[in-house]
Amino acid sequence: MGERGVDERMRVIGSPGRKPILKNVTRKEVEAFRNQVRIVDMIGCEDAGLVARKVKALARKMHMPCGTKEYARVVKPLTPAPVERVEAKKTAKVSLDKAGYFVILPMPATGILTVEHYTNDNRLLRVIEGKDARSLYGTIIRNGWVSQLLHAAYLGKELERAELSMKLGFKYIQDGI
């Protein structure tokens, strides 16, 4: 946006992002931003002194000392649209998922998370293995091995906890607090 602006659909020209479309600003606001901001690529620079010197040098070039009443074009503040606020309530106990239940077994020695999938009458259906929670819950959801959103959310939370237990070296207890 800084160098080339936006096209007629408010897409940031030249952006490698998946969805670089600006939805909450006007073209006029984008142009005002571009007139007020100078982009300097210092990614990777960890020298605070160098950054400070660069800021001072740029400030001198802009001829706008502190305390002046001079401004570049001013962007009016956006008034956000009102959105609904909902207070989260504690969820009642989850009912059994007709697709079965899962037992999560972290294996820190190998760095593998193992998930056993059982029917509700305790028959082992499958063993799913992976190195991270995301690939495991993605595989489980993609294959339709959960049928309730609450169960999928619970499984994602527990798999993340199990992965974290391996990374940080604490004991994982499923359903534990």
Protein backbone atom coordinates (compact mmCIF):
# COMPACT_ATOMS: atom_id res chain seq x y z
CA MET A 1 0.00 0.00 0.00
CA GLY A 2 2.82 2.37 0.85
CA GLU A 3 4.58 2.27 -2.49
CA ARG A 4 1.86 1.58 -5.04
CA GLY A 5 -1.45 2.19 -3.29
CA VAL A 6 -4.61 0.22 -4.00
CA ASP A 7 -6.47 -0.70 -7.16
CA GLU A 8 -10.16 -0.02 -7.94
CA ARG A 9 -11.23 -2.97 -5.74
CA MET A 10 -9.12 -1.67 -2.79
CA ARG A 11 -6.62 -4.51 -3.31
CA VAL A 12 -3.10 -3.52 -2.19
CA ILE A 13 -1.11 -3.40 -5.42
CA GLY A 14 1.81 -5.82 -5.46
CA SER A 15 1.00 -7.42 -2.11
CA PRO A 16 1.91 -11.11 -1.77
CA GLY A 17 -0.77 -11.58 0.92
CA ARG A 18 -3.65 -14.03 0.41
CA LYS A 19 -6.37 -11.40 0.82
CA PRO A 20 -4.72 -7.97 0.69
CA ILE A 21 -8.01 -6.09 0.38
CA LEU A 22 -8.70 -3.05 2.55
CA LYS A 23 -12.34 -3.16 3.58
CA ASN A 24 -12.56 -0.60 6.35
CA VAL A 25 -10.98 2.50 4.77
CA THR A 26 -11.66 4.73 1.79
CA ARG A 27 -9.34 5.39 -1.13
CA LYS A 28 -8.98 8.98 0.18
CA GLU A 29 -7.83 7.67 3.57
CA VAL A 30 -5.32 5.36 1.89
CA GLU A 31 -3.88 8.29 -0.06
CA ALA A 32 -3.71 10.43 3.09
CA PHE A 33 -1.83 7.62 4.84
CA ARG A 34 0.57 7.30 1.91
CA ASN A 35 1.25 11.06 2.09
CA GLN A 36 1.90 10.98 5.84
CA VAL A 37 3.98 7.85 6.22
CA ARG A 38 7.38 6.97 4.84
CA ILE A 39 8.15 3.26 4.82
CA VAL A 40 11.72 2.32 5.62
CA ASP A 41 12.56 -1.37 5.54
CA MET A 42 14.69 -2.14 8.59
CA ILE A 43 13.42 -5.67 9.11
CA GLY A 44 16.02 -7.66 11.00
CA CYS A 45 17.78 -4.58 12.40
CA GLU A 46 18.19 -5.01 16.14
CA ASP A 47 20.47 -2.00 16.66
CA ALA A 48 18.31 0.53 18.54
CA GLY A 49 20.91 3.27 17.99
CA LEU A 50 20.80 2.77 14.22
CA VAL A 51 17.00 2.89 14.25
CA ALA A 52 17.04 6.10 16.32
CA ARG A 53 19.55 7.74 13.96
CA LYS A 54 17.39 6.77 10.97
CA VAL A 55 14.29 8.31 12.63
CA LYS A 56 16.19 11.55 13.34
CA ALA A 57 17.52 11.74 9.78
CA LEU A 58 14.04 11.22 8.34
CA ALA A 59 12.54 13.78 10.72
CA ARG A 60 15.06 16.40 9.52
CA LYS A 61 14.20 15.66 5.87
CA MET A 62 10.49 16.14 6.52
CA HIS A 63 11.03 19.65 7.98
CA MET A 64 8.28 19.16 10.58
CA PRO A 65 9.79 19.86 14.01
CA CYS A 66 7.98 18.80 17.18
CA GLY A 67 5.27 21.18 18.34
CA THR A 68 4.51 22.58 14.90
CA LYS A 69 0.95 22.99 13.72
CA GLU A 70 1.89 21.68 10.26
CA TYR A 71 0.43 18.37 9.24
CA ALA A 72 0.18 16.30 6.13
CA ARG A 73 -3.37 15.69 5.00
CA VAL A 74 -5.30 14.58 8.06
CA VAL A 75 -7.21 11.34 8.08
CA LYS A 76 -10.46 11.61 9.96
CA PRO A 77 -10.79 8.95 12.62
CA LEU A 78 -12.97 6.03 11.63
CA THR A 79 -16.08 5.37 13.63
CA PRO A 80 -16.36 1.62 13.91
CA ALA A 81 -19.72 0.11 13.12
CA PRO A 82 -21.54 -1.16 16.18
CA VAL A 83 -21.14 -4.88 16.72
CA GLU A 84 -23.04 -7.26 18.91
CA ARG A 85 -21.37 -8.12 22.22
CA VAL A 86 -22.18 -11.52 23.65
CA GLU A 87 -21.24 -12.69 27.12
CA ALA A 88 -19.86 -16.22 27.03
CA LYS A 89 -21.64 -18.64 29.30
CA LYS A 90 -20.20 -21.80 30.75
CA THR A 91 -20.98 -24.75 28.49
CA ALA A 92 -23.04 -27.57 29.88
CA LYS A 93 -21.48 -31.01 29.98
CA VAL A 94 -20.84 -32.31 26.48
CA SER A 95 -23.01 -35.21 25.41
CA LEU A 96 -21.42 -38.26 23.81
CA ASP A 97 -20.49 -37.82 20.18
CA LYS A 98 -22.10 -40.56 18.07
CA ALA A 99 -18.79 -40.73 16.15
CA GLY A 100 -16.99 -41.94 19.30
CA TYR A 101 -14.37 -40.58 21.65
CA PHE A 102 -10.60 -40.02 21.62
CA VAL A 103 -7.76 -40.81 23.98
CA ILE A 104 -4.73 -38.53 23.60
CA LEU A 105 -1.29 -39.97 24.35
CA PRO A 106 1.72 -37.66 24.02
CA MET A 107 4.99 -39.53 23.46
CA PRO A 108 7.70 -37.01 24.46
CA ALA A 109 10.57 -39.43 23.78
CA THR A 110 9.65 -39.58 20.08
CA GLY A 111 7.94 -36.19 19.75
CA ILE A 112 4.81 -37.92 18.47
CA LEU A 113 1.24 -37.29 19.60
CA THR A 114 -0.88 -40.42 19.39
CA VAL A 115 -4.67 -40.28 19.34
CA GLU A 116 -6.75 -43.42 19.76
CA HIS A 117 -10.28 -43.24 18.39
CA TYR A 118 -12.88 -45.50 20.05
CA THR A 119 -16.55 -46.24 19.50
CA ASN A 120 -18.83 -45.35 22.39
CA ASP A 121 -18.90 -49.07 23.29
CA ASN A 122 -15.08 -48.93 23.78
CA ARG A 123 -13.94 -50.62 20.54
CA LEU A 124 -10.71 -49.18 19.11
CA LEU A 125 -11.35 -47.87 15.59
CA ARG A 126 -8.04 -46.30 14.64
CA VAL A 127 -4.78 -44.81 15.87
CA ILE A 128 -3.81 -41.42 14.47
CA GLU A 129 -0.24 -40.14 14.89
CA GLY A 130 1.33 -36.78 14.21
CA LYS A 131 3.94 -34.31 15.38
CA ASP A 132 1.57 -31.43 16.12
CA ALA A 133 -1.95 -30.78 17.33
CA ARG A 134 -3.06 -28.89 14.24
CA SER A 135 -2.31 -31.72 11.81
CA LEU A 136 -4.04 -34.19 14.11
CA TYR A 137 -7.26 -32.28 14.66
CA GLY A 138 -7.25 -31.29 10.98
CA THR A 139 -7.02 -34.96 9.97
CA ILE A 140 -9.75 -35.96 12.42
CA ILE A 141 -12.14 -33.23 11.26
CA ARG A 142 -11.34 -33.71 7.55
CA ASN A 143 -12.18 -37.41 7.83
CA GLY A 144 -15.45 -36.78 9.65
CA TRP A 145 -14.40 -38.66 12.80
CA VAL A 146 -16.20 -36.08 14.99
CA SER A 147 -19.83 -35.16 14.49
CA GLN A 148 -20.29 -32.35 17.03
CA LEU A 149 -18.71 -28.90 16.99
CA LEU A 150 -18.29 -28.91 20.77
CA HIS A 151 -16.42 -32.20 20.54
CA ALA A 152 -14.16 -30.83 17.79
CA ALA A 153 -13.43 -27.72 19.89
CA TYR A 154 -12.70 -29.85 22.96
CA LEU A 155 -10.41 -32.11 20.92
CA GLY A 156 -8.49 -29.14 19.52
CA LYS A 157 -8.00 -27.70 23.01
CA GLU A 158 -6.82 -31.03 24.45
CA LEU A 159 -4.45 -31.72 21.54
CA GLU A 160 -2.89 -28.26 21.96
CA ARG A 161 -2.44 -28.94 25.69
CA ALA A 162 -0.84 -32.32 24.90
CA GLU A 163 1.54 -30.74 22.38
CA LEU A 164 2.45 -28.03 24.88
CA SER A 165 3.12 -30.65 27.57
CA MET A 166 5.71 -32.27 25.30
CA LYS A 167 7.35 -28.94 24.44
CA LEU A 168 7.51 -27.72 28.05
CA GLY A 169 8.07 -31.06 29.74
CA PHE A 170 5.03 -31.29 31.99
CA LYS A 171 2.77 -34.30 32.49
CA TYR A 172 -0.35 -34.29 30.35
CA ILE A 173 -3.62 -35.51 31.84
CA GLN A 174 -6.57 -35.51 29.47
CA ASP A 175 -9.48 -33.47 30.86
CA GLY A 176 -7.11 -32.22 33.55
CA ILE A 177 -6.98 -28.61 34.57
